[in-house]
C-alpha atoms as a PDB file:
ATOM      1  CA  MET A   1       0.000   0.000   0.000  1.00  0.00           C
ATOM      2  CA  LYS A   2       2.919   2.344   0.702  1.00  0.00           C
ATOM      3  CA  LYS A   3       4.276   1.928  -2.844  1.00  0.00           C
ATOM      4  CA  PHE A   4       0.839   2.644  -4.283  1.00  0.00           C
ATOM      5  CA  ASP A   5       0.532   5.766  -2.090  1.00  0.00           C
ATOM      6  CA  LYS A   6       3.955   6.964  -3.166  1.00  0.00           C
ATOM      7  CA  ALA A   7       3.249   6.346  -6.858  1.00  0.00           C
ATOM      8  CA  LEU A   8      -0.139   8.024  -6.604  1.00  0.00           C
ATOM      9  CA  ARG A   9       1.377  11.031  -4.838  1.00  0.00           C
ATOM     10  CA  THR A  10       4.003  11.324  -7.575  1.00  0.00           C
ATOM     11  CA  ILE A  11       1.406  11.126 -10.338  1.00  0.00           C
ATOM     12  CA  THR A  12      -0.920  13.667  -8.753  1.00  0.00           C
ATOM     13  CA  GLU A  13       1.984  16.009  -7.969  1.00  0.00           C
ATOM     14  CA  LYS A  14       3.153  15.891 -11.579  1.00  0.00           C
ATOM     15  CA  LEU A  15      -0.370  16.656 -12.753  1.00  0.00           C
ATOM     16  CA  ALA A  16      -0.561  19.568 -10.307  1.00  0.00           C
ATOM     17  CA  TYR A  17       2.777  20.855 -11.621  1.00  0.00           C
ATOM     18  CA  GLY A  18       1.256  20.672 -15.092  1.00  0.00           C
ATOM     19  CA  GLY A  19      -1.563  22.867 -13.820  1.00  0.00           C
ATOM     20  CA  MET A  20       0.984  25.331 -12.448  1.00  0.00           C
ATOM     21  CA  VAL A  21       2.739  25.466 -15.809  1.00  0.00           C
ATOM     22  CA  ALA A  22      -0.652  26.015 -17.437  1.00  0.00           C
ATOM     23  CA  ILE A  23      -1.247  29.014 -15.153  1.00  0.00           C
ATOM     24  CA  VAL A  24       2.093  30.518 -16.186  1.00  0.00           C
ATOM     25  CA  VAL A  25       1.312  29.910 -19.869  1.00  0.00           C
ATOM     26  CA  CYS A  26      -2.126  31.472 -19.493  1.00  0.00           C
ATOM     27  CA  VAL A  27      -0.754  34.541 -17.701  1.00  0.00           C
ATOM     28  CA  ALA A  28       2.025  34.894 -20.282  1.00  0.00           C
ATOM     29  CA  PHE A  29      -0.482  34.884 -23.138  1.00  0.00           C
ATOM     30  CA  VAL A  30      -2.773  37.399 -21.456  1.00  0.00           C
ATOM     31  CA  VAL A  31       0.082  39.731 -20.507  1.00  0.00           C
ATOM     32  CA  SER A  32       1.616  39.550 -23.966  1.00  0.00           C
ATOM     33  CA  ASP A  33      -1.778  40.290 -25.519  1.00  0.00           C
ATOM     34  CA  VAL A  34      -2.296  43.304 -23.241  1.00  0.00           C
ATOM     35  CA  VAL A  35       1.212  44.637 -23.908  1.00  0.00           C
ATOM     36  CA  GLN A  36       0.877  44.089 -27.639  1.00  0.00           C
ATOM     37  CA  ARG A  37      -2.463  45.934 -27.723  1.00  0.00           C
ATOM     38  CA  SER A  38      -1.187  48.789 -25.550  1.00  0.00           C
ATOM     39  CA  LEU A  39       1.755  49.279 -27.921  1.00  0.00           C
ATOM     40  CA  GLY A  40      -0.680  49.547 -30.818  1.00  0.00           C
ATOM     41  CA  PHE A  41       0.141  46.263 -32.526  1.00  0.00           C
ATOM     42  CA  GLY A  42      -3.362  44.813 -32.197  1.00  0.00           C
ATOM     43  CA  ARG A  43      -4.559  41.629 -30.581  1.00  0.00           C
ATOM     44  CA  ILE A  44      -3.107  38.154 -30.687  1.00  0.00           C
ATOM     45  CA  ASN A  45      -5.385  36.040 -32.850  1.00  0.00           C
ATOM     46  CA  GLY A  46      -7.078  33.260 -30.934  1.00  0.00           C
ATOM     47  CA  ILE A  47      -6.080  34.495 -27.480  1.00  0.00           C
ATOM     48  CA  TYR A  48      -9.544  33.776 -26.114  1.00  0.00           C
ATOM     49  CA  GLU A  49      -9.382  30.219 -27.403  1.00  0.00           C
ATOM     50  CA  ILE A  50      -5.960  29.635 -25.884  1.00  0.00           C
ATOM     51  CA  VAL A  51      -6.963  31.033 -22.504  1.00  0.00           C
ATOM     52  CA  GLU A  52     -10.209  29.044 -22.511  1.00  0.00           C
ATOM     53  CA  LEU A  53      -8.486  25.733 -23.271  1.00  0.00           C
ATOM     54  CA  VAL A  54      -5.617  26.327 -20.872  1.00  0.00           C
ATOM     55  CA  ALA A  55      -8.044  27.391 -18.114  1.00  0.00           C
ATOM     56  CA  ALA A  56      -9.812  24.044 -18.416  1.00  0.00           C
ATOM     57  CA  CYS A  57      -6.470  22.332 -17.825  1.00  0.00           C
ATOM     58  CA  ILE A  58      -5.668  24.612 -14.895  1.00  0.00           C
ATOM     59  CA  MET A  59      -8.895  23.678 -13.172  1.00  0.00           C
ATOM     60  CA  SER A  60      -8.653  19.954 -13.729  1.00  0.00           C
ATOM     61  CA  LEU A  61      -4.976  19.121 -13.272  1.00  0.00           C
ATOM     62  CA  GLY A  62      -4.867  20.019  -9.592  1.00  0.00           C
ATOM     63  CA  ILE A  63      -7.948  18.101  -8.488  1.00  0.00           C
ATOM     64  CA  GLY A  64      -6.174  14.766  -7.954  1.00  0.00           C
ATOM     65  CA  TYR A  65      -3.424  16.254  -5.795  1.00  0.00           C
ATOM     66  CA  LEU A  66      -5.912  18.339  -3.825  1.00  0.00           C
ATOM     67  CA  THR A  67      -7.888  15.178  -3.119  1.00  0.00           C
ATOM     68  CA  PHE A  68      -4.711  13.270  -2.224  1.00  0.00           C
ATOM     69  CA  VAL A  69      -3.579  15.789   0.397  1.00  0.00           C
ATOM     70  CA  LYS A  70      -7.171  16.297   1.580  1.00  0.00           C
ATOM     71  CA  GLY A  71      -6.891  19.997   0.841  1.00  0.00           C
ATOM     72  CA  HIS A  72     -10.619  20.392   0.402  1.00  0.00           C
ATOM     73  CA  VAL A  73     -12.793  22.160   2.914  1.00  0.00           C
ATOM     74  CA  ALA A  74     -14.186  19.830   5.556  1.00  0.00           C
ATOM     75  CA  VAL A  75     -16.598  20.592   8.337  1.00  0.00           C
ATOM     76  CA  GLY A  76     -15.678  18.341  11.214  1.00  0.00           C
ATOM     77  CA  LEU A  77     -17.250  20.077  14.164  1.00  0.00           C
ATOM     78  CA  VAL A  78     -19.495  17.130  15.007  1.00  0.00           C
ATOM     79  CA  ILE A  79     -17.728  14.270  13.235  1.00  0.00           C
ATOM     80  CA  ASP A  80     -14.333  14.942  14.859  1.00  0.00           C
ATOM     81  CA  ARG A  81     -15.895  14.195  18.252  1.00  0.00           C
ATOM     82  CA  LEU A  82     -16.972  10.707  17.194  1.00  0.00           C
ATOM     83  CA  SER A  83     -14.964   7.528  17.601  1.00  0.00           C
ATOM     84  CA  PRO A  84     -12.550   6.625  14.773  1.00  0.00           C
ATOM     85  CA  ARG A  85     -14.879   3.856  13.638  1.00  0.00           C
ATOM     86  CA  LYS A  86     -17.884   6.206  13.354  1.00  0.00           C
ATOM     87  CA  GLN A  87     -15.744   8.795  11.608  1.00  0.00           C
ATOM     88  CA  ALA A  88     -14.670   6.091   9.162  1.00  0.00           C
ATOM     89  CA  ALA A  89     -18.327   5.242   8.502  1.00  0.00           C
ATOM     90  CA  PHE A  90     -18.984   8.835   7.477  1.00  0.00           C
ATOM     91  CA  ASP A  91     -15.820   8.813   5.386  1.00  0.00           C
ATOM     92  CA  VAL A  92     -16.858   5.605   3.617  1.00  0.00           C
ATOM     93  CA  ILE A  93     -20.194   7.166   2.653  1.00  0.00           C
ATOM     94  CA  ASN A  94     -18.537  10.411   1.577  1.00  0.00           C
ATOM     95  CA  TYR A  95     -15.806   8.702  -0.468  1.00  0.00           C
ATOM     96  CA  ALA A  96     -18.286   6.293  -2.067  1.00  0.00           C
ATOM     97  CA  ILE A  97     -20.539   9.131  -3.225  1.00  0.00           C
ATOM     98  CA  SER A  98     -17.532  11.143  -4.419  1.00  0.00           C
ATOM     99  CA  LEU A  99     -16.135   8.144  -6.275  1.00  0.00           C
ATOM    100  CA  VAL A 100     -19.407   7.369  -8.038  1.00  0.00           C
ATOM    101  CA  LEU A 101     -19.807  10.983  -9.170  1.00  0.00           C
ATOM    102  CA  THR A 102     -16.180  11.236 -10.270  1.00  0.00           C
ATOM    103  CA  VAL A 103     -16.367   7.956 -12.201  1.00  0.00           C
ATOM    104  CA  LEU A 104     -19.494   9.191 -13.986  1.00  0.00           C
ATOM    105  CA  LEU A 105     -17.807  12.490 -14.797  1.00  0.00           C
ATOM    106  CA  THR A 106     -14.675  10.706 -16.020  1.00  0.00           C
ATOM    107  CA  TRP A 107     -16.716   8.420 -18.233  1.00  0.00           C
ATOM    108  CA  ALA A 108     -18.607  11.397 -19.656  1.00  0.00           C
ATOM    109  CA  MET A 109     -15.365  13.241 -20.382  1.00  0.00           C
ATOM    110  CA  PHE A 110     -13.901  10.261 -22.249  1.00  0.00           C
ATOM    111  CA  GLU A 111     -17.121   9.950 -24.249  1.00  0.00           C
ATOM    112  CA  ARG A 112     -17.092  13.677 -25.012  1.00  0.00           C
ATOM    113  CA  GLY A 113     -13.441  13.505 -26.061  1.00  0.00           C
ATOM    114  CA  SER A 114     -14.188  10.573 -28.337  1.00  0.00           C
ATOM    115  CA  TYR A 115     -17.147  12.435 -29.813  1.00  0.00           C
ATOM    116  CA  TYR A 116     -15.050  15.556 -30.464  1.00  0.00           C
ATOM    117  CA  GLN A 117     -12.337  13.411 -32.001  1.00  0.00           C
ATOM    118  CA  ASP A 118     -14.810  11.605 -34.260  1.00  0.00           C
ATOM    119  CA  ILE A 119     -16.375  14.798 -35.598  1.00  0.00           C
ATOM    120  CA  GLY A 120     -13.045  16.608 -35.805  1.00  0.00           C
ATOM    121  CA  ALA A 121     -14.076  19.463 -33.516  1.00  0.00           C
ATOM    122  CA  HIS A 122     -11.565  22.279 -33.272  1.00  0.00           C
ATOM    123  CA  THR A 123     -11.405  25.897 -32.215  1.00  0.00           C
ATOM    124  CA  ALA A 124     -12.660  28.495 -34.671  1.00  0.00           C
ATOM    125  CA  VAL A 125      -9.601  30.691 -35.149  1.00  0.00           C
ATOM    126  CA  LEU A 126      -6.531  28.559 -34.455  1.00  0.00           C
ATOM    127  CA  ARG A 127      -8.153  25.237 -35.347  1.00  0.00           C
ATOM    128  CA  VAL A 128      -6.725  23.483 -32.268  1.00  0.00           C
ATOM    129  CA  PRO A 129      -8.307  20.037 -31.746  1.00  0.00           C
ATOM    130  CA  ILE A 130     -10.573  20.212 -28.704  1.00  0.00           C
ATOM    131  CA  HIS A 131     -10.476  16.498 -27.924  1.00  0.00           C
ATOM    132  CA  LEU A 132      -6.872  16.717 -26.721  1.00  0.00           C
ATOM    133  CA  PHE A 133      -7.844  19.039 -23.881  1.00  0.00           C
ATOM    134  CA  VAL A 134     -10.900  16.963 -23.016  1.00  0.00           C
ATOM    135  CA  TYR A 135      -8.664  13.901 -22.709  1.00  0.00           C
ATOM    136  CA  VAL A 136      -6.297  15.828 -20.406  1.00  0.00           C
ATOM    137  CA  ILE A 137      -9.253  16.620 -18.159  1.00  0.00           C
ATOM    138  CA  ALA A 138     -10.436  12.997 -18.282  1.00  0.00           C
ATOM    139  CA  GLY A 139      -6.943  11.749 -17.424  1.00  0.00           C
ATOM    140  CA  SER A 140      -6.723  14.000 -14.399  1.00  0.00           C
ATOM    141  CA  LEU A 141     -10.117  12.700 -13.287  1.00  0.00           C
ATOM    142  CA  VAL A 142      -8.786   9.131 -13.557  1.00  0.00           C
ATOM    143  CA  ALA A 143      -6.052  10.084 -11.078  1.00  0.00           C
ATOM    144  CA  THR A 144      -8.716  11.584  -8.813  1.00  0.00           C
ATOM    145  CA  CYS A 145     -10.691   8.331  -9.001  1.00  0.00           C
ATOM    146  CA  LEU A 146      -7.600   6.374  -7.950  1.00  0.00           C
ATOM    147  CA  VAL A 147      -7.103   8.684  -4.964  1.00  0.00           C
ATOM    148  CA  LEU A 148     -10.745   8.238  -3.975  1.00  0.00           C
ATOM    149  CA  VAL A 149     -10.427   4.440  -4.251  1.00  0.00           C
ATOM    150  CA  LYS A 150      -7.373   4.581  -1.971  1.00  0.00           C
ATOM    151  CA  ASP A 151      -9.187   6.765   0.559  1.00  0.00           C
ATOM    152  CA  LEU A 152     -12.350   4.656   0.402  1.00  0.00           C
ATOM    153  CA  THR A 153     -10.340   1.480   0.965  1.00  0.00           C
ATOM    154  CA  GLY A 154      -8.487   2.994   3.914  1.00  0.00           C
ATOM    155  CA  SER A 155     -11.711   4.231   5.525  1.00  0.00           C
ATOM    156  CA  ALA A 156     -13.419   0.891   4.955  1.00  0.00           C
ATOM    157  CA  ILE A 157     -10.534  -0.901   6.698  1.00  0.00           C
ATOM    158  CA  VAL A 158     -10.770   1.478   9.652  1.00  0.00           C
ATOM    159  CA  PHE A 159     -14.521   0.955   9.785  1.00  0.00           C
ATOM    160  CA  LEU A 160     -14.297  -2.846   9.653  1.00  0.00           C
ATOM    161  CA  LYS A 161     -11.271  -3.313  11.914  1.00  0.00           C
ATOM    162  CA  GLY A 162     -11.870  -0.378  14.236  1.00  0.00           C
ATOM    163  CA  LYS A 163      -8.343   0.951  13.761  1.00  0.00           C
ATOM    164  CA  GLU A 164      -6.059   2.092  10.980  1.00  0.00           C
ATOM    165  CA  VAL A 165      -3.863  -0.569   9.405  1.00  0.00           C
ATOM    166  CA  VAL A 166      -0.351   0.637   8.608  1.00  0.00           C
END
């Protein structure tokens, strides 16, 4: 389990770093467009398309790592006072619901990517294939699903055994 955790952390970190690079790319394009326009050289063609596609990557690439480090907002005022086994029961329910929704979303993204690939969908100005970005989003959701499976398994073990297994 430790090797799986380490591998999963590495994968989700690399995806998050990809999101960070995407932020820098997005900012660089926007700044260069603003500077170019302020100097009187006009706009960069397709800047809205680039920013839109890169923003989708920014949003999705960090989700797996955020889930891995449990960086999401949690309200534990009542649940933190319960026994570890009861806390694990709530976690099992929460992770199961999250996993089902994330699997459905992942499936839908792969279907959408396949659809865009089949019809040859691309952006209007730069003609960038859209399916590539949809597959990036779907891939990051696969990593999120793996993290949720890990967390669900760990919570289920705590619930069944009454203590965490190392």
